[in-house]
Amino acid sequence: MNEEKKRFIQEFVPGKQITLSHLIANPDVDMFEKLGIEESGALGILTLTPSETVIIAGDYATKAAHVKIGFLDRFTGSLVLVGSVSEVDQSMREVNRFLSETLGYTPSEITKS
């Protein structure tokens, strides 16, 4: 068989920023199954640069509200939070505030669907 190799190129922007901050309220049950995470009322998705920031954000999010970490990848800067809609919203607001006010990150508007 002649299999073609695919290349994945990831680019980072210079500086410190929250590139994506999105809350999905009441996602379909299939989404949790496909992601392999525990079903909950909401998903909070954050993408951060530099990527190691997700470690700080994950720690801060779980201390700011009653949420769990559904997924954390320190190589891509991806963080998925799970919990009730209000708790995920609160944790994402606090992460945005802390990173921007304390660490000088460029914040991101929290979008919702």
Foldseek 3Di string as FASTA:
>chain_A
DDDDDDDDDDDDDPDWAWPAWEKEAQDDPVVCVVLVFDDEGIKIKIAIPPLQCQVVLQVQLVVQFPWHWRDHDSNGNITIIGYHRVSSVRSSVRSQCCCCVPVNYHGDDYYYD
